[in-house]
Amino acid sequence: MSVKTLSIRMDENDYRSLVSLAKEGKEDVSKTVRELVGLGRTMLAIEKYKDGEASIEKAARIAGVSISKMLDIMKEHGVTANLEEEDYLKSLKTIKKAW
């Protein structure tokens, strides 16, 4: 996996909050930011799914996880799947390809 460097600007309060979180976790600020980005992707995926703006597949892509992992994450957050017939049919096609 290729690693990219990103420079961002933020206000003093956000920076202090990041530094504080990093110290609490005994980590560096960069690792804390990466964890927050990952969590943010997951929360964004959940919200888009709940709002009907994303399918399970798209939510999984947003979160950067497999569909089965996304289903587990949604269950952990109390989100019920709103699967439609099309979702089931697509799953069946995928399973047939795998077998």
PDB file of N, CA and C in Angstrom:
ATOM      1  N   MET A   1       0.849  -1.179   0.000  1.00  0.00           N
ATOM      2  CA  MET A   1       0.000   0.000   0.000  1.00  0.00           C
ATOM      3  C   MET A   1       0.889   1.235   0.000  1.00  0.00           C
ATOM      4  N   SER A   2       0.587   2.145  -0.879  1.00  0.00           N
ATOM      5  CA  SER A   2       1.310   3.398  -0.976  1.00  0.00           C
ATOM      6  C   SER A   2       0.853   4.356   0.123  1.00  0.00           C
ATOM      7  N   VAL A   3       1.802   5.022   0.731  1.00  0.00           N
ATOM      8  CA  VAL A   3       1.483   5.973   1.790  1.00  0.00           C
ATOM      9  C   VAL A   3       1.701   7.379   1.256  1.00  0.00           C
ATOM     10  N   LYS A   4       0.745   8.233   1.480  1.00  0.00           N
ATOM     11  CA  LYS A   4       0.807   9.621   1.028  1.00  0.00           C
ATOM     12  C   LYS A   4       0.908  10.539   2.229  1.00  0.00           C
ATOM     13  N   THR A   5       1.531  11.685   2.027  1.00  0.00           N
ATOM     14  CA  THR A   5       1.647  12.696   3.071  1.00  0.00           C
ATOM     15  C   THR A   5       0.678  13.816   2.762  1.00  0.00           C
ATOM     16  N   LEU A   6      -0.002  14.293   3.802  1.00  0.00           N
ATOM     17  CA  LEU A   6      -0.992  15.345   3.647  1.00  0.00           C
ATOM     18  C   LEU A   6      -0.728  16.427   4.677  1.00  0.00           C
ATOM     19  N   SER A   7      -0.763  17.655   4.233  1.00  0.00           N
ATOM     20  CA  SER A   7      -0.618  18.781   5.143  1.00  0.00           C
ATOM     21  C   SER A   7      -1.973  19.473   5.243  1.00  0.00           C
ATOM     22  N   ILE A   8      -2.424  19.728   6.471  1.00  0.00           N
ATOM     23  CA  ILE A   8      -3.720  20.372   6.648  1.00  0.00           C
ATOM     24  C   ILE A   8      -3.596  21.574   7.574  1.00  0.00           C
ATOM     25  N   ARG A   9      -4.556  22.459   7.473  1.00  0.00           N
ATOM     26  CA  ARG A   9      -4.639  23.602   8.387  1.00  0.00           C
ATOM     27  C   ARG A   9      -5.841  23.379   9.286  1.00  0.00           C
ATOM     28  N   MET A  10      -5.678  23.715  10.562  1.00  0.00           N
ATOM     29  CA  MET A  10      -6.792  23.604  11.497  1.00  0.00           C
ATOM     30  C   MET A  10      -6.638  24.671  12.560  1.00  0.00           C
ATOM     31  N   ASP A  11      -7.752  24.960  13.213  1.00  0.00           N
ATOM     32  CA  ASP A  11      -7.683  25.988  14.252  1.00  0.00           C
ATOM     33  C   ASP A  11      -6.998  25.432  15.501  1.00  0.00           C
ATOM     34  N   GLU A  12      -6.629  26.321  16.384  1.00  0.00           N
ATOM     35  CA  GLU A  12      -5.873  25.976  17.589  1.00  0.00           C
ATOM     36  C   GLU A  12      -6.623  24.980  18.473  1.00  0.00           C
ATOM     37  N   ASN A  13      -7.935  25.132  18.618  1.00  0.00           N
ATOM     38  CA  ASN A  13      -8.707  24.229  19.470  1.00  0.00           C
ATOM     39  C   ASN A  13      -8.688  22.796  18.941  1.00  0.00           C
ATOM     40  N   ASP A  14      -8.857  22.638  17.631  1.00  0.00           N
ATOM     41  CA  ASP A  14      -8.817  21.294  17.046  1.00  0.00           C
ATOM     42  C   ASP A  14      -7.431  20.679  17.217  1.00  0.00           C
ATOM     43  N   TYR A  15      -6.393  21.482  17.016  1.00  0.00           N
ATOM     44  CA  TYR A  15      -5.030  20.984  17.176  1.00  0.00           C
ATOM     45  C   TYR A  15      -4.775  20.539  18.614  1.00  0.00           C
ATOM     46  N   ARG A  16      -5.178  21.351  19.563  1.00  0.00           N
ATOM     47  CA  ARG A  16      -4.993  20.987  20.969  1.00  0.00           C
ATOM     48  C   ARG A  16      -5.756  19.711  21.308  1.00  0.00           C
ATOM     49  N   SER A  17      -6.944  19.577  20.757  1.00  0.00           N
ATOM     50  CA  SER A  17      -7.740  18.381  20.980  1.00  0.00           C
ATOM     51  C   SER A  17      -7.023  17.145  20.433  1.00  0.00           C
ATOM     52  N   LEU A  18      -6.463  17.254  19.241  1.00  0.00           N
ATOM     53  CA  LEU A  18      -5.714  16.143  18.654  1.00  0.00           C
ATOM     54  C   LEU A  18      -4.503  15.763  19.505  1.00  0.00           C
ATOM     55  N   VAL A  19      -3.771  16.763  19.938  1.00  0.00           N
ATOM     56  CA  VAL A  19      -2.590  16.511  20.768  1.00  0.00           C
ATOM     57  C   VAL A  19      -3.008  15.835  22.072  1.00  0.00           C
ATOM     58  N   SER A  20      -4.096  16.294  22.652  1.00  0.00           N
ATOM     59  CA  SER A  20      -4.595  15.716  23.896  1.00  0.00           C
ATOM     60  C   SER A  20      -5.010  14.256  23.685  1.00  0.00           C
ATOM     61  N   LEU A  21      -5.740  13.986  22.611  1.00  0.00           N
ATOM     62  CA  LEU A  21      -6.139  12.612  22.302  1.00  0.00           C
ATOM     63  C   LEU A  21      -4.922  11.710  22.091  1.00  0.00           C
ATOM     64  N   ALA A  22      -3.923  12.241  21.392  1.00  0.00           N
ATOM     65  CA  ALA A  22      -2.708  11.470  21.139  1.00  0.00           C
ATOM     66  C   ALA A  22      -1.999  11.138  22.448  1.00  0.00           C
ATOM     67  N   LYS A  23      -1.904  12.116  23.332  1.00  0.00           N
ATOM     68  CA  LYS A  23      -1.251  11.880  24.622  1.00  0.00           C
ATOM     69  C   LYS A  23      -2.005  10.850  25.448  1.00  0.00           C
ATOM     70  N   GLU A  24      -3.333  10.959  25.467  1.00  0.00           N
ATOM     71  CA  GLU A  24      -4.150   9.990  26.208  1.00  0.00           C
ATOM     72  C   GLU A  24      -3.929   8.576  25.697  1.00  0.00           C
ATOM     73  N   GLY A  25      -3.812   8.434  24.382  1.00  0.00           N
ATOM     74  CA  GLY A  25      -3.606   7.122  23.774  1.00  0.00           C
ATOM     75  C   GLY A  25      -2.150   6.722  23.690  1.00  0.00           C
ATOM     76  N   LYS A  26      -1.267   7.587  24.182  1.00  0.00           N
ATOM     77  CA  LYS A  26       0.182   7.353  24.126  1.00  0.00           C
ATOM     78  C   LYS A  26       0.634   7.067  22.698  1.00  0.00           C
ATOM     79  N   GLU A  27       0.108   7.868  21.766  1.00  0.00           N
ATOM     80  CA  GLU A  27       0.422   7.735  20.351  1.00  0.00           C
ATOM     81  C   GLU A  27       0.883   9.086  19.822  1.00  0.00           C
ATOM     82  N   ASP A  28       1.408   9.073  18.612  1.00  0.00           N
ATOM     83  CA  ASP A  28       1.744  10.355  18.008  1.00  0.00           C
ATOM     84  C   ASP A  28       0.498  10.938  17.333  1.00  0.00           C
ATOM     85  N   VAL A  29       0.562  12.219  17.039  1.00  0.00           N
ATOM     86  CA  VAL A  29      -0.587  12.920  16.470  1.00  0.00           C
ATOM     87  C   VAL A  29      -0.977  12.329  15.117  1.00  0.00           C
ATOM     88  N   SER A  30      -0.003  11.938  14.310  1.00  0.00           N
ATOM     89  CA  SER A  30      -0.295  11.378  12.991  1.00  0.00           C
ATOM     90  C   SER A  30      -1.138  10.122  13.093  1.00  0.00           C
ATOM     91  N   LYS A  31      -0.790   9.242  14.027  1.00  0.00           N
ATOM     92  CA  LYS A  31      -1.564   8.016  14.188  1.00  0.00           C
ATOM     93  C   LYS A  31      -2.978   8.335  14.660  1.00  0.00           C
ATOM     94  N   THR A  32      -3.111   9.297  15.546  1.00  0.00           N
ATOM     95  CA  THR A  32      -4.426   9.698  16.036  1.00  0.00           C
ATOM     96  C   THR A  32      -5.278  10.234  14.894  1.00  0.00           C
ATOM     97  N   VAL A  33      -4.699  11.039  14.027  1.00  0.00           N
ATOM     98  CA  VAL A  33      -5.432  11.574  12.874  1.00  0.00           C
ATOM     99  C   VAL A  33      -5.868  10.437  11.956  1.00  0.00           C
ATOM    100  N   ARG A  34      -4.982   9.468  11.707  1.00  0.00           N
ATOM    101  CA  ARG A  34      -5.346   8.332  10.852  1.00  0.00           C
ATOM    102  C   ARG A  34      -6.511   7.554  11.449  1.00  0.00           C
ATOM    103  N   GLU A  35      -6.491   7.358  12.770  1.00  0.00           N
ATOM    104  CA  GLU A  35      -7.592   6.653  13.427  1.00  0.00           C
ATOM    105  C   GLU A  35      -8.898   7.440  13.303  1.00  0.00           C
ATOM    106  N   LEU A  36      -8.827   8.751  13.459  1.00  0.00           N
ATOM    107  CA  LEU A  36     -10.020   9.582  13.342  1.00  0.00           C
ATOM    108  C   LEU A  36     -10.569   9.573  11.912  1.00  0.00           C
ATOM    109  N   VAL A  37      -9.681   9.570  10.935  1.00  0.00           N
ATOM    110  CA  VAL A  37     -10.121   9.501   9.534  1.00  0.00           C
ATOM    111  C   VAL A  37     -10.831   8.175   9.284  1.00  0.00           C
ATOM    112  N   GLY A  38     -10.268   7.086   9.789  1.00  0.00           N
ATOM    113  CA  GLY A  38     -10.905   5.783   9.632  1.00  0.00           C
ATOM    114  C   GLY A  38     -12.273   5.745  10.291  1.00  0.00           C
ATOM    115  N   LEU A  39     -12.359   6.276  11.494  1.00  0.00           N
ATOM    116  CA  LEU A  39     -13.637   6.329  12.200  1.00  0.00           C
ATOM    117  C   LEU A  39     -14.622   7.220  11.454  1.00  0.00           C
ATOM    118  N   GLY A  40     -14.137   8.333  10.933  1.00  0.00           N
ATOM    119  CA  GLY A  40     -14.989   9.242  10.173  1.00  0.00           C
ATOM    120  C   GLY A  40     -15.540   8.587   8.914  1.00  0.00           C
ATOM    121  N   ARG A  41     -14.697   7.803   8.229  1.00  0.00           N
ATOM    122  CA  ARG A  41     -15.170   7.088   7.035  1.00  0.00           C
ATOM    123  C   ARG A  41     -16.284   6.120   7.400  1.00  0.00           C
ATOM    124  N   THR A  42     -16.102   5.419   8.510  1.00  0.00           N
ATOM    125  CA  THR A  42     -17.104   4.459   8.956  1.00  0.00           C
ATOM    126  C   THR A  42     -18.408   5.153   9.318  1.00  0.00           C
ATOM    127  N   MET A  43     -18.321   6.242  10.057  1.00  0.00           N
ATOM    128  CA  MET A  43     -19.527   6.967  10.465  1.00  0.00           C
ATOM    129  C   MET A  43     -20.233   7.582   9.253  1.00  0.00           C
ATOM    130  N   LEU A  44     -19.463   8.093   8.303  1.00  0.00           N
ATOM    131  CA  LEU A  44     -20.048   8.642   7.082  1.00  0.00           C
ATOM    132  C   LEU A  44     -20.783   7.550   6.306  1.00  0.00           C
ATOM    133  N   ALA A  45     -20.168   6.378   6.212  1.00  0.00           N
ATOM    134  CA  ALA A  45     -20.797   5.254   5.512  1.00  0.00           C
ATOM    135  C   ALA A  45     -22.109   4.866   6.181  1.00  0.00           C
ATOM    136  N   ILE A  46     -22.106   4.801   7.502  1.00  0.00           N
ATOM    137  CA  ILE A  46     -23.325   4.445   8.239  1.00  0.00           C
ATOM    138  C   ILE A  46     -24.416   5.479   7.992  1.00  0.00           C
ATOM    139  N   GLU A  47     -24.078   6.745   8.078  1.00  0.00           N
ATOM    140  CA  GLU A  47     -25.064   7.807   7.874  1.00  0.00           C
ATOM    141  C   GLU A  47     -25.630   7.789   6.462  1.00  0.00           C
ATOM    142  N   LYS A  48     -24.763   7.606   5.468  1.00  0.00           N
ATOM    143  CA  LYS A  48     -25.240   7.561   4.087  1.00  0.00           C
ATOM    144  C   LYS A  48     -26.161   6.357   3.868  1.00  0.00           C
ATOM    145  N   TYR A  49     -25.849   5.239   4.497  1.00  0.00           N
ATOM    146  CA  TYR A  49     -26.704   4.064   4.386  1.00  0.00           C
ATOM    147  C   TYR A  49     -28.047   4.321   5.054  1.00  0.00           C
ATOM    148  N   LYS A  50     -28.011   4.849   6.263  1.00  0.00           N
ATOM    149  CA  LYS A  50     -29.252   5.119   6.992  1.00  0.00           C
ATOM    150  C   LYS A  50     -30.138   6.109   6.244  1.00  0.00           C
ATOM    151  N   ASP A  51     -29.524   7.090   5.574  1.00  0.00           N
ATOM    152  CA  ASP A  51     -30.272   8.100   4.832  1.00  0.00           C
ATOM    153  C   ASP A  51     -30.706   7.618   3.455  1.00  0.00           C
ATOM    154  N   GLY A  52     -30.339   6.388   3.099  1.00  0.00           N
ATOM    155  CA  GLY A  52     -30.714   5.842   1.797  1.00  0.00           C
ATOM    156  C   GLY A  52     -29.865   6.361   0.659  1.00  0.00           C
ATOM    157  N   GLU A  53     -28.747   6.991   0.975  1.00  0.00           N
ATOM    158  CA  GLU A  53     -27.866   7.542  -0.053  1.00  0.00           C
ATOM    159  C   GLU A  53     -26.815   6.548  -0.515  1.00  0.00           C
ATOM    160  N   ALA A  54     -26.718   5.409   0.181  1.00  0.00           N
ATOM    161  CA  ALA A  54     -25.719   4.407  -0.177  1.00  0.00           C
ATOM    162  C   ALA A  54     -26.281   3.013   0.078  1.00  0.00           C
ATOM    163  N   SER A  55     -25.930   2.111  -0.813  1.00  0.00           N
ATOM    164  CA  SER A  55     -26.244   0.697  -0.610  1.00  0.00           C
ATOM    165  C   SER A  55     -25.232   0.134   0.387  1.00  0.00           C
ATOM    166  N   ILE A  56     -25.427  -1.102   0.786  1.00  0.00           N
ATOM    167  CA  ILE A  56     -24.448  -1.738   1.670  1.00  0.00           C
ATOM    168  C   ILE A  56     -23.090  -1.788   0.976  1.00  0.00           C
ATOM    169  N   GLU A  57     -23.105  -2.118  -0.304  1.00  0.00           N
ATOM    170  CA  GLU A  57     -21.858  -2.194  -1.065  1.00  0.00           C
ATOM    171  C   GLU A  57     -21.139  -0.841  -1.084  1.00  0.00           C
ATOM    172  N   LYS A  58     -21.883   0.218  -1.369  1.00  0.00           N
ATOM    173  CA  LYS A  58     -21.265   1.545  -1.413  1.00  0.00           C
ATOM    174  C   LYS A  58     -20.800   1.973  -0.022  1.00  0.00           C
ATOM    175  N   ALA A  59     -21.581   1.673   0.992  1.00  0.00           N
ATOM    176  CA  ALA A  59     -21.183   2.008   2.365  1.00  0.00           C
ATOM    177  C   ALA A  59     -19.880   1.299   2.724  1.00  0.00           C
ATOM    178  N   ALA A  60     -19.756   0.047   2.314  1.00  0.00           N
ATOM    179  CA  ALA A  60     -18.534  -0.711   2.584  1.00  0.00           C
ATOM    180  C   ALA A  60     -17.335  -0.065   1.883  1.00  0.00           C
ATOM    181  N   ARG A  61     -17.548   0.379   0.648  1.00  0.00           N
ATOM    182  CA  ARG A  61     -16.459   1.058  -0.079  1.00  0.00           C
ATOM    183  C   ARG A  61     -16.061   2.351   0.616  1.00  0.00           C
ATOM    184  N   ILE A  62     -17.048   3.129   1.066  1.00  0.00           N
ATOM    185  CA  ILE A  62     -16.762   4.381   1.766  1.00  0.00           C
ATOM    186  C   ILE A  62     -15.948   4.096   3.026  1.00  0.00           C
ATOM    187  N   ALA A  63     -16.357   3.069   3.769  1.00  0.00           N
ATOM    188  CA  ALA A  63     -15.680   2.730   5.025  1.00  0.00           C
ATOM    189  C   ALA A  63     -14.345   2.018   4.797  1.00  0.00           C
ATOM    190  N   GLY A  64     -14.161   1.477   3.592  1.00  0.00           N
ATOM    191  CA  GLY A  64     -12.917   0.763   3.292  1.00  0.00           C
ATOM    192  C   GLY A  64     -12.870  -0.635   3.885  1.00  0.00           C
ATOM    193  N   VAL A  65     -14.048  -1.283   3.955  1.00  0.00           N
ATOM    194  CA  VAL A  65     -14.131  -2.633   4.518  1.00  0.00           C
ATOM    195  C   VAL A  65     -14.934  -3.533   3.586  1.00  0.00           C
ATOM    196  N   SER A  66     -14.938  -4.829   3.877  1.00  0.00           N
ATOM    197  CA  SER A  66     -15.745  -5.761   3.091  1.00  0.00           C
ATOM    198  C   SER A  66     -17.226  -5.563   3.429  1.00  0.00           C
ATOM    199  N   ILE A  67     -18.081  -6.100   2.583  1.00  0.00           N
ATOM    200  CA  ILE A  67     -19.520  -6.005   2.824  1.00  0.00           C
ATOM    201  C   ILE A  67     -19.888  -6.715   4.117  1.00  0.00           C
ATOM    202  N   SER A  68     -19.314  -7.889   4.349  1.00  0.00           N
ATOM    203  CA  SER A  68     -19.651  -8.610   5.581  1.00  0.00           C
ATOM    204  C   SER A  68     -19.192  -7.842   6.810  1.00  0.00           C
ATOM    205  N   LYS A  69     -18.033  -7.196   6.719  1.00  0.00           N
ATOM    206  CA  LYS A  69     -17.555  -6.378   7.844  1.00  0.00           C
ATOM    207  C   LYS A  69     -18.472  -5.170   8.039  1.00  0.00           C
ATOM    208  N   MET A  70     -18.940  -4.581   6.944  1.00  0.00           N
ATOM    209  CA  MET A  70     -19.845  -3.440   7.039  1.00  0.00           C
ATOM    210  C   MET A  70     -21.136  -3.851   7.719  1.00  0.00           C
ATOM    211  N   LEU A  71     -21.638  -5.028   7.397  1.00  0.00           N
ATOM    212  CA  LEU A  71     -22.846  -5.526   8.054  1.00  0.00           C
ATOM    213  C   LEU A  71     -22.618  -5.694   9.559  1.00  0.00           C
ATOM    214  N   ASP A  72     -21.434  -6.205   9.923  1.00  0.00           N
ATOM    215  CA  ASP A  72     -21.093  -6.336  11.350  1.00  0.00           C
ATOM    216  C   ASP A  72     -21.031  -4.970  12.035  1.00  0.00           C
ATOM    217  N   ILE A  73     -20.422  -4.002  11.368  1.00  0.00           N
ATOM    218  CA  ILE A  73     -20.300  -2.649  11.928  1.00  0.00           C
ATOM    219  C   ILE A  73     -21.684  -2.039  12.121  1.00  0.00           C
ATOM    220  N   MET A  74     -22.540  -2.209  11.111  1.00  0.00           N
ATOM    221  CA  MET A  74     -23.889  -1.649  11.222  1.00  0.00           C
ATOM    222  C   MET A  74     -24.643  -2.296  12.384  1.00  0.00           C
ATOM    223  N   LYS A  75     -24.471  -3.596  12.552  1.00  0.00           N
ATOM    224  CA  LYS A  75     -25.120  -4.292  13.658  1.00  0.00           C
ATOM    225  C   LYS A  75     -24.625  -3.736  14.995  1.00  0.00           C
ATOM    226  N   GLU A  76     -23.309  -3.508  15.108  1.00  0.00           N
ATOM    227  CA  GLU A  76     -22.723  -2.943  16.329  1.00  0.00           C
ATOM    228  C   GLU A  76     -23.304  -1.570  16.659  1.00  0.00           C
ATOM    229  N   HIS A  77     -23.683  -0.835  15.623  1.00  0.00           N
ATOM    230  CA  HIS A  77     -24.228   0.512  15.802  1.00  0.00           C
ATOM    231  C   HIS A  77     -25.760   0.532  15.793  1.00  0.00           C
ATOM    232  N   GLY A  78     -26.363  -0.634  15.802  1.00  0.00           N
ATOM    233  CA  GLY A  78     -27.817  -0.720  15.874  1.00  0.00           C
ATOM    234  C   GLY A  78     -28.543  -0.324  14.607  1.00  0.00           C
ATOM    235  N   VAL A  79     -27.854  -0.403  13.485  1.00  0.00           N
ATOM    236  CA  VAL A  79     -28.455  -0.047  12.197  1.00  0.00           C
ATOM    237  C   VAL A  79     -29.008  -1.313  11.563  1.00  0.00           C
ATOM    238  N   THR A  80     -30.292  -1.297  11.231  1.00  0.00           N
ATOM    239  CA  THR A  80     -30.892  -2.453  10.586  1.00  0.00           C
ATOM    240  C   THR A  80     -30.714  -2.354   9.084  1.00  0.00           C
ATOM    241  N   ALA A  81     -30.493  -3.495   8.477  1.00  0.00           N
ATOM    242  CA  ALA A  81     -30.302  -3.542   7.029  1.00  0.00           C
ATOM    243  C   ALA A  81     -31.629  -3.311   6.332  1.00  0.00           C
ATOM    244  N   ASN A  82     -31.607  -2.457   5.334  1.00  0.00           N
ATOM    245  CA  ASN A  82     -32.815  -2.217   4.546  1.00  0.00           C
ATOM    246  C   ASN A  82     -32.604  -2.807   3.158  1.00  0.00           C
ATOM    247  N   LEU A  83     -32.431  -4.130   3.161  1.00  0.00           N
ATOM    248  CA  LEU A  83     -32.185  -4.842   1.912  1.00  0.00           C
ATOM    249  C   LEU A  83     -33.462  -4.947   1.094  1.00  0.00           C
ATOM    250  N   GLU A  84     -33.281  -4.829  -0.190  1.00  0.00           N
ATOM    251  CA  GLU A  84     -34.393  -4.983  -1.112  1.00  0.00           C
ATOM    252  C   GLU A  84     -34.135  -6.202  -1.981  1.00  0.00           C
ATOM    253  N   GLU A  85     -35.121  -6.608  -2.743  1.00  0.00           N
ATOM    254  CA  GLU A  85     -34.997  -7.797  -3.580  1.00  0.00           C
ATOM    255  C   GLU A  85     -33.765  -7.711  -4.477  1.00  0.00           C
ATOM    256  N   GLU A  86     -33.493  -6.531  -4.999  1.00  0.00           N
ATOM    257  CA  GLU A  86     -32.339  -6.340  -5.882  1.00  0.00           C
ATOM    258  C   GLU A  86     -31.026  -6.678  -5.165  1.00  0.00           C
ATOM    259  N   ASP A  87     -30.943  -6.321  -3.888  1.00  0.00           N
ATOM    260  CA  ASP A  87     -29.747  -6.631  -3.105  1.00  0.00           C
ATOM    261  C   ASP A  87     -29.550  -8.141  -2.984  1.00  0.00           C
ATOM    262  N   TYR A  88     -30.629  -8.858  -2.717  1.00  0.00           N
ATOM    263  CA  TYR A  88     -30.554 -10.318  -2.603  1.00  0.00           C
ATOM    264  C   TYR A  88     -30.132 -10.948  -3.933  1.00  0.00           C
ATOM    265  N   LEU A  89     -30.718 -10.466  -5.020  1.00  0.00           N
ATOM    266  CA  LEU A  89     -30.385 -11.022  -6.335  1.00  0.00           C
ATOM    267  C   LEU A  89     -28.918 -10.765  -6.676  1.00  0.00           C
ATOM    268  N   LYS A  90     -28.436  -9.587  -6.359  1.00  0.00           N
ATOM    269  CA  LYS A  90     -27.032  -9.256  -6.614  1.00  0.00           C
ATOM    270  C   LYS A  90     -26.119 -10.155  -5.784  1.00  0.00           C
ATOM    271  N   SER A  91     -26.501 -10.409  -4.548  1.00  0.00           N
ATOM    272  CA  SER A  91     -25.720 -11.290  -3.678  1.00  0.00           C
ATOM    273  C   SER A  91     -25.667 -12.704  -4.241  1.00  0.00           C
ATOM    274  N   LEU A  92     -26.789 -13.181  -4.740  1.00  0.00           N
ATOM    275  CA  LEU A  92     -26.841 -14.516  -5.316  1.00  0.00           C
ATOM    276  C   LEU A  92     -25.900 -14.623  -6.526  1.00  0.00           C
ATOM    277  N   LYS A  93     -25.882 -13.599  -7.373  1.00  0.00           N
ATOM    278  CA  LYS A  93     -24.987 -13.600  -8.539  1.00  0.00           C
ATOM    279  C   LYS A  93     -23.534 -13.633  -8.088  1.00  0.00           C
ATOM    280  N   THR A  94     -23.219 -12.883  -7.056  1.00  0.00           N
ATOM    281  CA  THR A  94     -21.850 -12.837  -6.542  1.00  0.00           C
ATOM    282  C   THR A  94     -21.441 -14.190  -5.988  1.00  0.00           C
ATOM    283  N   ILE A  95     -22.343 -14.831  -5.255  1.00  0.00           N
ATOM    284  CA  ILE A  95     -22.063 -16.157  -4.686  1.00  0.00           C
ATOM    285  C   ILE A  95     -21.852 -17.172  -5.794  1.00  0.00           C
ATOM    286  N   LYS A  96     -22.685 -17.115  -6.829  1.00  0.00           N
ATOM    287  CA  LYS A  96     -22.548 -18.052  -7.937  1.00  0.00           C
ATOM    288  C   LYS A  96     -21.184 -17.903  -8.624  1.00  0.00           C
ATOM    289  N   LYS A  97     -20.716 -16.668  -8.748  1.00  0.00           N
ATOM    290  CA  LYS A  97     -19.403 -16.442  -9.362  1.00  0.00           C
ATOM    291  C   LYS A  97     -18.293 -17.024  -8.488  1.00  0.00           C
ATOM    292  N   ALA A  98     -18.452 -16.902  -7.179  1.00  0.00           N
ATOM    293  CA  ALA A  98     -17.437 -17.399  -6.247  1.00  0.00           C
ATOM    294  C   ALA A  98     -17.368 -18.917  -6.228  1.00  0.00           C
ATOM    295  N   TRP A  99     -18.487 -19.588  -6.478  1.00  0.00           N
ATOM    296  CA  TRP A  99     -18.531 -21.039  -6.425  1.00  0.00           C
ATOM    297  C   TRP A  99     -18.269 -21.574  -7.791  1.00  0.00           C
TER     298      TRP A  99
END
